[in-house]
């Protein structure tokens, strides 16, 4: 995200064709950068943009209002935690954790919101945000840290997204075995 980008926004569609049409209309609305616009499972389409808060807000409003019947979920984050980007791209340094937190959702938007909330709640390390690829539309976030920090982040993030109906499950693994840790990192 460049220095001028203060916000990110995402719209998740249940139609690839409509998602692509909406993505084009969205970026014609205001000056934003497309972080990703792609197909995810099961045949959904996501558009993730960054830019100034006012531009991201305008773009997401267009993407949801004009195509409301196709929208699965969406968000606008005015000041996203910087660690979201390395977790999305899988470039996070992992180290040896005291605990591993996992949150699983049915929505790409919900998992990114949960990751942001988790990172802002406690001193944790976002490891990976897996967005609906090869998992029948499910998404998950992995994060590590001290046990109390991981538990606090799980509690706050799950509370934040539970009412939206997209929270599937969550767990905390205290002191993950090194053999298991190597398989996920």
Protein backbone atom coordinates (compact mmCIF):
# COMPACT_ATOMS: atom_id res chain seq x y z
CA UNK A 1 0.00 0.00 0.00
CA UNK A 2 1.50 3.36 -0.97
CA UNK A 3 1.87 6.35 1.36
CA UNK A 4 -1.34 7.96 0.13
CA UNK A 5 -3.41 4.82 0.83
CA UNK A 6 -5.15 5.10 4.15
CA UNK A 7 -7.95 2.58 3.62
CA UNK A 8 -8.85 -0.70 2.01
CA UNK A 9 -12.23 -1.97 0.88
CA UNK A 10 -13.52 -5.25 -0.47
CA UNK A 11 -16.67 -6.41 -2.17
CA UNK A 12 -17.36 -10.13 -2.55
CA UNK A 13 -19.81 -11.22 -5.28
CA UNK A 14 -21.60 -14.49 -5.89
CA UNK A 15 -21.19 -14.05 -9.68
CA UNK A 16 -17.92 -13.84 -11.60
CA UNK A 17 -19.50 -11.96 -14.53
CA UNK A 18 -21.16 -9.39 -12.27
CA UNK A 19 -18.02 -9.12 -10.11
CA UNK A 20 -15.88 -8.26 -13.13
CA UNK A 21 -18.41 -5.70 -14.38
CA UNK A 22 -18.63 -4.17 -10.90
CA UNK A 23 -14.82 -4.04 -10.56
CA UNK A 24 -14.57 -1.99 -13.73
CA UNK A 25 -17.31 0.38 -12.61
CA UNK A 26 -15.76 0.68 -9.15
CA UNK A 27 -12.32 1.77 -10.36
CA UNK A 28 -13.92 4.28 -12.73
CA UNK A 29 -15.67 5.89 -9.74
CA UNK A 30 -12.67 7.19 -7.78
CA UNK A 31 -8.87 7.06 -7.64
CA UNK A 32 -8.05 3.72 -6.00
CA UNK A 33 -5.54 0.94 -6.57
CA UNK A 34 -6.72 -2.61 -7.14
CA UNK A 35 -4.90 -4.90 -4.73
CA UNK A 36 -6.64 -7.93 -6.20
CA UNK A 37 -9.64 -8.68 -8.35
CA UNK A 38 -10.04 -12.42 -8.81
CA UNK A 39 -12.20 -15.49 -8.80
CA UNK A 40 -12.35 -17.44 -5.53
CA UNK A 41 -14.22 -20.59 -4.54
CA UNK A 42 -16.99 -21.51 -5.07
CA UNK A 43 -17.27 -19.36 -8.18
CA UNK A 44 -17.29 -16.02 -6.36
CA UNK A 45 -15.42 -12.88 -7.36
CA UNK A 46 -13.66 -10.45 -5.03
CA UNK A 47 -12.47 -6.90 -5.56
CA UNK A 48 -10.00 -5.52 -2.98
CA UNK A 49 -8.97 -1.88 -3.38
CA UNK A 50 -6.83 0.63 -1.51
CA UNK A 51 -6.66 4.42 -1.46
CA UNK A 52 -7.82 7.42 0.50
CA UNK A 53 -10.75 6.66 2.78
CA UNK A 54 -13.17 8.86 0.83
CA UNK A 55 -12.25 7.16 -2.47
CA UNK A 56 -12.47 3.64 -1.04
CA UNK A 57 -15.83 4.48 0.54
CA UNK A 58 -17.20 5.79 -2.78
CA UNK A 59 -15.92 2.77 -4.68
CA UNK A 60 -17.36 0.22 -2.24
CA UNK A 61 -20.68 2.08 -2.19
CA UNK A 62 -20.89 1.82 -5.98
CA UNK A 63 -19.88 -1.84 -5.89
CA UNK A 64 -22.55 -2.71 -3.37
CA UNK A 65 -25.44 -0.41 -4.32
CA UNK A 66 -25.52 -1.18 -8.03
CA UNK A 67 -25.11 -4.94 -7.59
CA UNK A 68 -26.72 -5.50 -4.18
CA UNK A 69 -28.45 -8.80 -5.07
CA UNK A 70 -25.05 -10.33 -5.98
CA UNK A 71 -23.08 -9.09 -2.95
CA UNK A 72 -22.07 -11.77 -0.45
CA UNK A 73 -20.19 -9.47 1.91
CA UNK A 74 -18.11 -6.29 1.94
CA UNK A 75 -16.07 -3.99 4.18
CA UNK A 76 -14.24 -0.69 4.42
CA UNK A 77 -11.27 -0.46 6.80
CA UNK A 78 -10.14 3.11 7.39
CA UNK A 79 -6.78 2.27 8.91
CA UNK A 80 -5.91 -1.39 8.28
CA UNK A 81 -3.14 -3.04 10.24
CA UNK A 82 -0.06 -3.17 7.98
CA UNK A 83 0.52 -6.87 8.72
CA UNK A 84 -2.61 -7.77 6.72
CA UNK A 85 -0.69 -7.37 3.47
CA UNK A 86 2.20 -9.71 4.28
CA UNK A 87 -0.32 -12.25 5.60
CA UNK A 88 -2.35 -12.05 2.37
CA UNK A 89 0.78 -12.55 0.28
CA UNK A 90 2.24 -15.23 2.58
CA UNK A 91 5.48 -13.36 3.24
CA UNK A 92 5.36 -13.18 7.04
CA UNK A 93 8.33 -14.27 9.16
CA UNK A 94 6.91 -16.97 11.42
CA UNK A 95 9.43 -17.83 14.14
CA UNK A 96 8.49 -20.18 16.99
CA UNK A 97 5.12 -19.39 18.59
CA UNK A 98 3.94 -19.88 22.12
CA UNK A 99 0.42 -20.27 20.69
CA UNK A 100 -1.35 -20.46 17.32
CA UNK A 101 -4.75 -18.88 16.69
CA UNK A 102 -7.04 -19.93 13.85
CA UNK A 103 -10.28 -18.27 12.75
CA UNK A 104 -12.35 -19.75 9.92
CA UNK A 105 -15.19 -18.01 8.05
CA UNK A 106 -17.50 -18.44 5.07
CA UNK A 107 -16.60 -14.99 3.73
CA UNK A 108 -13.44 -13.35 2.41
CA UNK A 109 -14.54 -9.99 3.78
CA UNK A 110 -15.19 -11.45 7.24
CA UNK A 111 -11.75 -13.09 7.46
CA UNK A 112 -9.91 -9.90 6.56
CA UNK A 113 -11.98 -7.94 9.10
CA UNK A 114 -11.22 -10.62 11.71
CA UNK A 115 -7.49 -10.51 10.91
CA UNK A 116 -7.44 -6.73 11.23
CA UNK A 117 -9.28 -6.87 14.56
CA UNK A 118 -6.99 -9.62 15.87
CA UNK A 119 -3.87 -7.66 14.94
CA UNK A 120 -5.21 -4.49 16.58
CA UNK A 121 -6.31 -6.27 19.77
CA UNK A 122 -3.04 -7.82 20.96
CA UNK A 123 0.60 -8.17 20.08
CA UNK A 124 0.24 -11.08 17.67
CA UNK A 125 1.92 -11.99 14.41
CA UNK A 126 -0.43 -12.50 11.45
CA UNK A 127 0.99 -15.46 9.56
CA UNK A 128 -1.43 -16.14 6.73
CA UNK A 129 -4.82 -15.05 5.45
CA UNK A 130 -6.12 -17.72 3.07
CA UNK A 131 -8.97 -16.37 1.02
CA UNK A 132 -11.46 -18.90 -0.35
CA UNK A 133 -9.17 -20.76 -2.70
CA UNK A 134 -9.57 -24.53 -2.83
CA UNK A 135 -11.73 -24.63 0.31
CA UNK A 136 -15.31 -24.45 -0.99
CA UNK A 137 -15.48 -20.74 -0.26
CA UNK A 138 -14.14 -20.87 3.29
CA UNK A 139 -11.37 -18.54 4.42
CA UNK A 140 -9.06 -18.60 7.42
CA UNK A 141 -6.43 -16.59 9.24
CA UNK A 142 -3.48 -17.96 11.21
CA UNK A 143 -1.68 -15.90 13.83
CA UNK A 144 0.80 -16.54 16.60
CA UNK A 145 2.03 -14.97 19.78
CA UNK A 146 1.91 -15.37 23.53
CA UNK A 147 -1.02 -17.53 24.65
CA UNK A 148 -2.89 -14.69 26.41
CA UNK A 149 -2.49 -12.40 23.38
CA UNK A 150 -3.72 -15.07 20.96
CA UNK A 151 -6.73 -15.83 23.19
CA UNK A 152 -7.62 -12.13 23.52
CA UNK A 153 -7.35 -11.61 19.75
CA UNK A 154 -9.52 -14.67 19.02
CA UNK A 155 -12.18 -13.50 21.49
CA UNK A 156 -12.35 -9.93 20.15
CA UNK A 157 -12.19 -10.86 16.43
CA UNK A 158 -14.83 -13.58 16.72
CA UNK A 159 -17.14 -11.27 18.69
CA UNK A 160 -16.72 -8.63 15.98
CA UNK A 161 -17.74 -10.89 13.06
CA UNK A 162 -20.11 -13.37 14.76
CA UNK A 163 -23.27 -11.32 14.28
CA UNK A 164 -22.70 -11.16 10.53
CA UNK A 165 -23.25 -14.93 10.34
CA UNK A 166 -19.99 -15.75 8.55
CA UNK A 167 -17.99 -17.10 11.51
CA UNK A 168 -17.51 -20.84 11.07
CA UNK A 169 -15.10 -21.81 13.84
CA UNK A 170 -11.96 -20.90 15.75
CA UNK A 171 -9.25 -22.52 17.85
CA UNK A 172 -6.19 -21.82 19.90
CA UNK A 173 -3.30 -24.29 19.93
CA UNK A 174 -0.99 -23.69 22.89
CA UNK A 175 2.66 -24.56 22.20
CA UNK A 176 2.26 -26.12 18.72
CA UNK A 177 4.50 -29.10 18.05
CA UNK A 178 7.48 -28.19 15.80
CA UNK A 179 6.55 -30.95 13.31
CA UNK A 180 3.06 -29.53 12.95
CA UNK A 181 4.36 -25.96 12.87
CA UNK A 182 6.60 -26.80 9.88
CA UNK A 183 3.61 -28.08 7.90
CA UNK A 184 1.73 -24.79 8.15
CA UNK A 185 4.58 -22.36 7.81
